[in-house]
Structures are given as C-alpha cells and as structure tokens.
C-alpha cells in the first residue's frame, strides 16, 4: 500500500501527468475510465489564482469521480505560491502538487517550474511555506536538474522530504534536455533506494508501453509511474499496463469502434465544459492522436478539424466508424 499522507493507493499506482492544454477534465475523464489511478490538473499559475484570472480559476474544476486528484500550481514568488496553495485547497483536491519541472522558456527562465532547480534553498523554503499553509498533503514534480552538470536530485529529495512533502515524482531528464533524448532513470532509482528517503517516489519519462512499465518497475524499484505523452490519444495505456503486469499478456489494441466511442465521449465533455466554440476548437489537437496509424485517414482528419459545427463532427465520427471498421492501425 502506497501512502500519500492519509491517502492510500493499492498496488503499483499509475499516475496521469499534468500536461498544459491537455490534462483538462474531459481528458482526465477518459483516462480515469481507462485505468488511471491518480490524476493532476494542468499546472496553474499562482499569480493567476491570486488575481482571480478566469483561465487559472477554471483549471480548479475537479469532479468526485476523478479522485484521487491533485491540483498543481507553479510560480516563482514564495508568498504568491503560499496563497495560491490555499486557494487551490478550497477546491478540495486530495493533493496539492508543486510544479518544479516545467522546462518551457516562459516559465523556467523566470525562476518557476524547472527554473527553481538553479536555487535549491529557495525551492526548499517555498515548499516549506506551502506545507505549513495547507492541510492537504503536498507533493512535488521535478526534473533531475537544470543540466547534466547540476544534477542534485538526491539532495533535492532529502530537502523536500525534510520540510514535509508526502511524495515526489521525478522526470528523468534535465531542463536542458526538454523532451529530447532518453530519460535517465538511474538517478530516480538512486533517490528511491537512498536509505534516508521514505516517501513514495514515482518515475516519469518514456513510459510508452506495458512492457516498459514492468521493466522499469522491476529495474528501478519505483513506487509507481507517471505517464504523460503516451496517454495523449491513447488513454487505454493505463489498463493495458495493469493487465500486462497482472497476467503477462498484452491486451488487443482498441478497435476502431472503441476509438470512435472514446473520441465522442471526450468531445461531448469538452463541449459541455467549455461551450461549443472553445470545446470544438480545443478538441482539434486530439483527433490525430486518437486515430494515429489509421491508413488514408487524412481527408477525415481535415473534416474533423475544419468543421465549426459539433453535429457535423459527430456525423464525421460516425462515418469514420463505418468506413474504417476493418482498418488495422499501422504501429
């Protein structure tokens, strides 16, 4: 049993990574249905929250069926992060998570996200203030370091544990790597197996198949894995991993009918939550992923992304179900 504060997670938990412009309620809903154990919101600006910015406040929306769920915040000012954590707690998540891993320039180069890895004492102080400010368990997601010459992840883990975080998720890349190259899980294992570390350690980076999830579980000894990009357009990965770990057998990939069903479900929630215009527009980034590998799909993708009428999109999805019923995705 893995414990995050008073929260108990059975077995080997699979976490859905917080991803900007992806991990919204409609996407989280389809991942939950398909086996995600713990989910996180998109990362939320602390400055946006304390200024009551509509875009930031909207991201606080969580639903009971998603639980356990964490609200993730980011920022570079300690006082703003303290207050943002308190605002996030009012939304009643199960976890308050701090983003110390975002590598994008507009975040990291302002000292937030992965940028704070250049100032570990400040990271420790900020975390301590947040832990003191809220009653919910506080967790952190971070990277190995700013670059290959500044990897101090064991020290970071010990410092954050000392000020009271309840779990740590580590992406096995540096900020400099962004999302390129191969994630180095040896450093994650070093943290997990350190005698002074007793909080759960979750690994993140490059988990894109059931086989790799099991291999990394056994090889690196982590308490669970966090999955991000591999779940985009493929929420089935969570149940596929669970089935493989339990039986040693691979599930058949989702049928075309199943792909259409989940796409419709995702779209319906997107329209309900965001309204027709925004809901339709923001779904466009997902269609290619849901139908990845389907031969000769481009004309239908064009219909999906160019239509401004929700009913037309649903009709196109019905056509896809009929015309590609026997299609075998190219892996």
Protein backbone atom coordinates (compact mmCIF):
# COMPACT_ATOMS: atom_id res chain seq x y z
CA UNK A 1 0.00 0.00 0.00
CA UNK A 2 1.43 3.35 -1.08
CA UNK A 3 0.53 6.25 1.20
CA UNK A 4 0.49 9.95 0.36
CA UNK A 5 -0.43 11.48 3.67
CA UNK A 6 -3.64 9.71 4.64
CA UNK A 7 -4.35 8.77 1.01
CA UNK A 8 -3.81 5.06 0.35
CA UNK A 9 -3.10 3.67 -3.12
CA UNK A 10 -3.19 -0.05 -3.79
CA UNK A 11 -0.66 -1.99 -5.82
CA UNK A 12 1.54 -0.14 -8.28
CA UNK A 13 -0.25 3.15 -8.98
CA UNK A 14 -0.31 4.70 -12.43
CA UNK A 15 -0.42 8.49 -12.42
CA UNK A 16 -1.61 10.75 -15.22
CA UNK A 17 0.93 13.54 -15.60
CA UNK A 18 -0.19 17.16 -15.52
CA UNK A 19 0.10 18.48 -19.07
CA UNK A 20 -0.67 22.03 -20.13
CA UNK A 21 -3.54 22.28 -22.61
CA UNK A 22 -4.11 18.52 -22.31
CA UNK A 23 -4.94 17.41 -18.75
CA UNK A 24 -8.31 19.15 -18.51
CA UNK A 25 -11.46 17.49 -17.08
CA UNK A 26 -12.62 15.97 -20.41
CA UNK A 27 -9.23 14.32 -21.00
CA UNK A 28 -8.94 13.22 -17.39
CA UNK A 29 -12.39 11.62 -17.61
CA UNK A 30 -11.39 9.24 -20.40
CA UNK A 31 -8.11 8.41 -18.66
CA UNK A 32 -9.92 7.63 -15.42
CA UNK A 33 -12.34 5.34 -17.24
CA UNK A 34 -9.36 3.52 -18.71
CA UNK A 35 -7.40 2.88 -15.54
CA UNK A 36 -5.51 5.97 -14.34
CA UNK A 37 -5.18 5.79 -10.55
CA UNK A 38 -4.15 9.35 -9.68
CA UNK A 39 -4.55 12.45 -11.82
CA UNK A 40 -3.42 16.04 -11.75
CA UNK A 41 -4.84 19.21 -13.21
CA UNK A 42 -3.00 21.24 -15.78
CA UNK A 43 -0.45 23.40 -13.99
CA UNK A 44 -2.00 26.60 -12.67
CA UNK A 45 -0.26 29.96 -12.34
CA UNK A 46 -0.02 31.15 -8.75
CA UNK A 47 -0.19 34.75 -9.93
CA UNK A 48 -3.29 33.94 -11.96
CA UNK A 49 -5.01 32.37 -8.96
CA UNK A 50 -4.34 35.18 -6.54
CA UNK A 51 -5.53 37.69 -9.14
CA UNK A 52 -8.64 35.62 -9.84
CA UNK A 53 -7.79 35.26 -13.54
CA UNK A 54 -10.55 33.35 -15.30
CA UNK A 55 -8.23 30.93 -17.12
CA UNK A 56 -6.46 29.96 -13.89
CA UNK A 57 -9.63 29.66 -11.81
CA UNK A 58 -11.26 27.47 -14.48
CA UNK A 59 -8.48 24.94 -14.03
CA UNK A 60 -9.57 24.39 -10.42
CA UNK A 61 -12.61 22.45 -11.65
CA UNK A 62 -12.44 18.90 -10.35
CA UNK A 63 -15.06 16.16 -10.05
CA UNK A 64 -15.62 13.47 -7.45
CA UNK A 65 -15.28 10.61 -9.95
CA UNK A 66 -11.71 11.77 -10.67
CA UNK A 67 -10.47 11.15 -7.15
CA UNK A 68 -7.79 10.93 -6.03
CA UNK A 69 -6.73 14.09 -7.84
CA UNK A 70 -4.12 16.74 -7.25
CA UNK A 71 -4.19 20.41 -8.18
CA UNK A 72 -0.79 21.53 -9.44
CA UNK A 73 0.48 25.09 -9.06
CA UNK A 74 3.59 26.89 -10.27
CA UNK A 75 5.25 30.24 -9.69
CA UNK A 76 8.46 31.96 -8.65
CA UNK A 77 7.30 34.05 -5.66
CA UNK A 78 7.04 32.32 -2.30
CA UNK A 79 4.20 34.45 -0.95
CA UNK A 80 2.15 34.06 -4.13
CA UNK A 81 2.66 30.30 -4.05
CA UNK A 82 1.55 30.16 -0.40
CA UNK A 83 -1.65 31.98 -1.17
CA UNK A 84 -2.28 30.07 -4.37
CA UNK A 85 -1.96 26.80 -2.46
CA UNK A 86 -4.58 28.00 0.00
CA UNK A 87 -6.92 28.95 -2.86
CA UNK A 88 -6.35 25.58 -4.51
CA UNK A 89 -7.11 23.80 -1.24
CA UNK A 90 -10.54 25.43 -1.16
CA UNK A 91 -11.41 23.45 -4.29
CA UNK A 92 -10.98 20.31 -2.12
CA UNK A 93 -8.45 18.25 -4.08
CA UNK A 94 -6.83 15.23 -2.48
CA UNK A 95 -3.33 16.61 -3.09
CA UNK A 96 -1.62 19.96 -3.60
CA UNK A 97 1.20 19.45 -6.10
CA UNK A 98 4.03 21.85 -6.87
CA UNK A 99 5.48 22.08 -10.36
CA UNK A 100 9.27 22.31 -10.20
CA UNK A 101 9.72 20.63 -13.56
CA UNK A 102 8.21 22.67 -16.42
CA UNK A 103 11.06 23.31 -18.87
CA UNK A 104 9.46 25.85 -21.22
CA UNK A 105 11.29 29.14 -21.53
CA UNK A 106 8.47 31.45 -20.43
CA UNK A 107 8.23 29.54 -17.14
CA UNK A 108 11.70 28.20 -16.34
CA UNK A 109 13.62 31.33 -17.30
CA UNK A 110 11.55 33.35 -14.85
CA UNK A 111 12.59 31.10 -11.98
CA UNK A 112 9.43 28.98 -11.86
CA UNK A 113 8.99 25.34 -12.88
CA UNK A 114 12.38 23.77 -13.57
CA UNK A 115 13.98 27.19 -13.17
CA UNK A 116 13.93 26.84 -9.42
CA UNK A 117 16.40 23.94 -9.71
CA UNK A 118 19.01 26.70 -10.00
CA UNK A 119 18.12 27.82 -6.48
CA UNK A 120 17.60 24.76 -4.30
CA UNK A 121 17.48 26.72 -0.99
CA UNK A 122 14.60 28.78 -2.40
CA UNK A 123 12.90 25.59 -3.57
CA UNK A 124 13.14 24.24 -0.04
CA UNK A 125 11.85 27.46 1.54
CA UNK A 126 8.95 27.75 -0.90
CA UNK A 127 7.94 24.15 -0.31
CA UNK A 128 8.14 24.55 3.45
CA UNK A 129 5.86 27.60 3.36
CA UNK A 130 3.30 25.77 1.24
CA UNK A 131 3.33 22.72 3.51
CA UNK A 132 2.72 25.00 6.51
CA UNK A 133 -0.09 26.85 4.72
CA UNK A 134 -2.30 23.91 3.74
CA UNK A 135 -3.73 20.82 5.40
CA UNK A 136 -3.81 18.66 2.27
CA UNK A 137 -0.75 16.50 1.55
CA UNK A 138 1.79 18.35 -0.58
CA UNK A 139 3.67 16.57 -3.37
CA UNK A 140 6.25 17.76 -5.89
CA UNK A 141 7.04 17.01 -9.53
CA UNK A 142 10.52 17.94 -10.68
CA UNK A 143 13.37 17.07 -13.04
CA UNK A 144 16.86 15.71 -12.42
CA UNK A 145 18.44 19.16 -12.55
CA UNK A 146 18.93 22.18 -14.77
CA UNK A 147 21.56 20.43 -16.90
CA UNK A 148 23.86 17.41 -16.74
CA UNK A 149 26.35 19.36 -14.61
CA UNK A 150 23.84 20.31 -11.92
CA UNK A 151 22.05 17.06 -11.10
CA UNK A 152 21.46 17.14 -7.34
CA UNK A 153 18.23 15.21 -7.23
CA UNK A 154 19.12 13.18 -4.13
CA UNK A 155 19.84 16.37 -2.21
CA UNK A 156 16.63 17.91 -3.55
CA UNK A 157 14.61 14.89 -2.49
CA UNK A 158 16.03 14.89 1.02
CA UNK A 159 15.48 18.62 1.47
CA UNK A 160 11.89 18.47 0.25
CA UNK A 161 11.14 15.43 2.37
CA UNK A 162 12.59 17.22 5.39
CA UNK A 163 10.12 20.10 5.01
CA UNK A 164 7.15 17.78 4.71
CA UNK A 165 6.27 16.72 1.17
CA UNK A 166 4.43 13.40 1.04
CA UNK A 167 5.58 12.10 -2.37
CA UNK A 168 7.93 13.04 -5.18
CA UNK A 169 7.55 12.49 -8.93
CA UNK A 170 10.77 12.75 -10.92
CA UNK A 171 11.04 13.21 -14.67
CA UNK A 172 14.26 11.54 -15.77
CA UNK A 173 15.51 14.46 -17.87
CA UNK A 174 17.18 17.77 -17.13
CA UNK A 175 15.67 21.08 -18.06
CA UNK A 176 18.28 21.44 -20.78
CA UNK A 177 17.06 18.23 -22.43
CA UNK A 178 13.47 19.48 -22.60
CA UNK A 179 11.74 16.36 -24.01
CA UNK A 180 14.63 15.19 -26.17
CA UNK A 181 16.97 12.28 -25.69
CA UNK A 182 16.32 9.39 -23.34
CA UNK A 183 15.10 9.77 -19.77
CA UNK A 184 17.76 8.59 -17.31
CA UNK A 185 16.01 6.60 -14.62
CA UNK A 186 19.25 5.64 -12.83
CA UNK A 187 19.05 8.92 -10.90
CA UNK A 188 15.42 8.21 -10.00
CA UNK A 189 16.50 4.81 -8.66
CA UNK A 190 19.26 6.48 -6.67
CA UNK A 191 16.64 8.58 -4.90
CA UNK A 192 14.23 5.70 -4.37
CA UNK A 193 16.93 3.41 -2.94
CA UNK A 194 18.59 6.01 -0.73
CA UNK A 195 18.36 4.94 2.92
CA UNK A 196 17.19 8.38 4.04
CA UNK A 197 14.24 8.54 1.64
CA UNK A 198 10.96 7.14 2.95
CA UNK A 199 8.30 8.97 0.90
CA UNK A 200 6.87 7.40 -2.30
CA UNK A 201 8.95 8.03 -5.40
CA UNK A 202 7.23 7.98 -8.79
CA UNK A 203 9.16 7.79 -12.05
CA UNK A 204 8.25 9.72 -15.18
CA UNK A 205 9.64 9.80 -18.70
CA UNK A 206 9.45 7.48 -21.71
CA UNK A 207 6.86 5.03 -20.34
CA UNK A 208 5.03 4.25 -23.56
CA UNK A 209 4.21 0.54 -23.35
CA UNK A 210 3.16 -2.12 -20.84
CA UNK A 211 6.48 -3.89 -21.31
CA UNK A 212 8.49 -0.81 -20.47
CA UNK A 213 6.33 -0.04 -17.42
CA UNK A 214 7.00 -3.50 -15.99
CA UNK A 215 10.68 -3.38 -16.91
CA UNK A 216 11.18 -0.01 -15.21
CA UNK A 217 9.19 -1.10 -12.15
CA UNK A 218 11.46 -4.09 -11.68
CA UNK A 219 14.72 -2.42 -12.70
CA UNK A 220 14.41 0.85 -10.79
CA UNK A 221 12.18 -0.07 -7.85
CA UNK A 222 9.91 2.99 -8.03
CA UNK A 223 6.59 3.05 -6.18
CA UNK A 224 4.61 3.86 -9.33
CA UNK A 225 4.93 5.51 -12.71
CA UNK A 226 3.61 8.77 -14.10
CA UNK A 227 2.51 8.72 -17.72
CA UNK A 228 2.18 11.81 -19.87
CA UNK A 229 2.59 12.00 -23.63
CA UNK A 230 1.89 8.27 -24.17
CA UNK A 231 -1.66 8.78 -22.88
CA UNK A 232 -2.50 11.56 -25.36
CA UNK A 233 -4.93 9.96 -27.80
CA UNK A 234 -4.34 6.63 -26.11
CA UNK A 235 -5.93 6.55 -22.62
CA UNK A 236 -6.11 2.76 -22.91
CA UNK A 237 -2.44 2.55 -21.91
CA UNK A 238 -3.30 2.51 -18.21
CA UNK A 239 -5.47 -0.62 -18.36
CA UNK A 240 -3.04 -2.22 -20.81
CA UNK A 241 -0.22 -1.80 -18.29
CA UNK A 242 -2.32 -3.15 -15.43
CA UNK A 243 -3.39 -6.20 -17.45
CA UNK A 244 0.17 -6.94 -18.54
CA UNK A 245 1.52 -6.64 -15.01
CA UNK A 246 -1.17 -8.96 -13.72
CA UNK A 247 -1.16 -11.61 -16.46
CA UNK A 248 1.96 -11.14 -18.57
CA UNK A 249 -0.30 -10.85 -21.61
CA UNK A 250 -0.85 -7.90 -23.90
CA UNK A 251 -4.39 -6.72 -24.50
CA UNK A 252 -5.50 -6.27 -28.07
CA UNK A 253 -5.31 -2.62 -29.14
CA UNK A 254 -8.60 -0.69 -29.12
CA UNK A 255 -10.86 -1.33 -32.07
CA UNK A 256 -11.85 1.46 -34.43
CA UNK A 257 -15.30 1.37 -32.82
CA UNK A 258 -13.71 1.90 -29.39
CA UNK A 259 -11.54 4.76 -30.67
CA UNK A 260 -14.63 6.49 -32.02
CA UNK A 261 -16.58 5.90 -28.80
CA UNK A 262 -13.89 7.46 -26.62
CA UNK A 263 -13.37 10.35 -29.04
CA UNK A 264 -17.10 11.10 -28.91
CA UNK A 265 -17.12 10.88 -25.14
CA UNK A 266 -14.14 13.24 -24.93
CA UNK A 267 -15.78 15.66 -27.36
CA UNK A 268 -19.14 15.63 -25.55
CA UNK A 269 -17.49 16.54 -22.24
CA UNK A 270 -15.34 19.17 -23.94
CA UNK A 271 -18.44 20.84 -25.41
CA UNK A 272 -20.26 20.63 -22.09
CA UNK A 273 -17.38 22.04 -20.06
CA UNK A 274 -16.05 24.70 -22.43
CA UNK A 275 -19.01 25.53 -24.65
CA UNK A 276 -19.39 24.74 -28.34
CA UNK A 277 -16.84 27.15 -29.79
CA UNK A 278 -13.95 26.59 -27.39
CA UNK A 279 -14.80 22.93 -26.81
CA UNK A 280 -14.74 22.17 -30.51
CA UNK A 281 -11.58 24.17 -31.14
CA UNK A 282 -9.58 22.58 -28.30
CA UNK A 283 -10.58 19.05 -29.32
CA UNK A 284 -8.83 19.51 -32.68
CA UNK A 285 -5.43 18.74 -31.17
CA UNK A 286 -6.64 15.27 -30.14
CA UNK A 287 -8.06 13.78 -33.36
CA UNK A 288 -4.73 12.88 -34.95
CA UNK A 289 -3.71 11.05 -31.80
CA UNK A 290 -6.95 9.11 -31.39
CA UNK A 291 -6.70 7.81 -34.95
CA UNK A 292 -2.94 7.52 -35.19
CA UNK A 293 -1.83 4.80 -37.56
CA UNK A 294 -5.11 4.50 -39.47
CA UNK A 295 -4.24 4.32 -43.20
CA UNK A 296 -5.61 7.01 -45.52
CA UNK A 297 -7.14 8.95 -42.64
CA UNK A 298 -6.01 12.45 -43.68
CA UNK A 299 -9.22 13.53 -45.51
CA UNK A 300 -11.29 12.67 -42.44
CA UNK A 301 -8.90 14.49 -40.16
CA UNK A 302 -9.40 17.57 -42.32
CA UNK A 303 -13.17 17.27 -41.91
CA UNK A 304 -12.80 16.97 -38.14
CA UNK A 305 -10.51 19.95 -37.67
CA UNK A 306 -12.18 22.30 -40.16
CA UNK A 307 -15.77 21.91 -39.04
CA UNK A 308 -17.29 24.54 -36.73
CA UNK A 309 -20.48 22.56 -36.17
CA UNK A 310 -20.46 19.96 -33.37
CA UNK A 311 -23.14 17.87 -35.08
CA UNK A 312 -21.08 17.72 -38.26
CA UNK A 313 -18.13 16.45 -36.25
CA UNK A 314 -20.26 13.72 -34.66
CA UNK A 315 -21.53 12.72 -38.12
CA UNK A 316 -17.96 12.56 -39.39
CA UNK A 317 -17.03 10.31 -36.48
CA UNK A 318 -19.94 8.03 -37.39
CA UNK A 319 -18.64 7.89 -40.98
CA UNK A 320 -15.18 7.02 -39.68
CA UNK A 321 -16.65 4.16 -37.66
CA UNK A 322 -18.33 2.79 -40.79
CA UNK A 323 -15.61 3.33 -43.39
CA UNK A 324 -12.65 2.21 -41.27
CA UNK A 325 -14.37 -0.59 -39.38
CA UNK A 326 -11.90 -3.17 -40.68
CA UNK A 327 -8.84 -0.93 -40.69
CA UNK A 328 -5.76 -2.18 -38.88
CA UNK A 329 -3.67 0.66 -37.42
CA UNK A 330 -0.07 0.83 -38.58
CA UNK A 331 2.10 0.57 -35.49
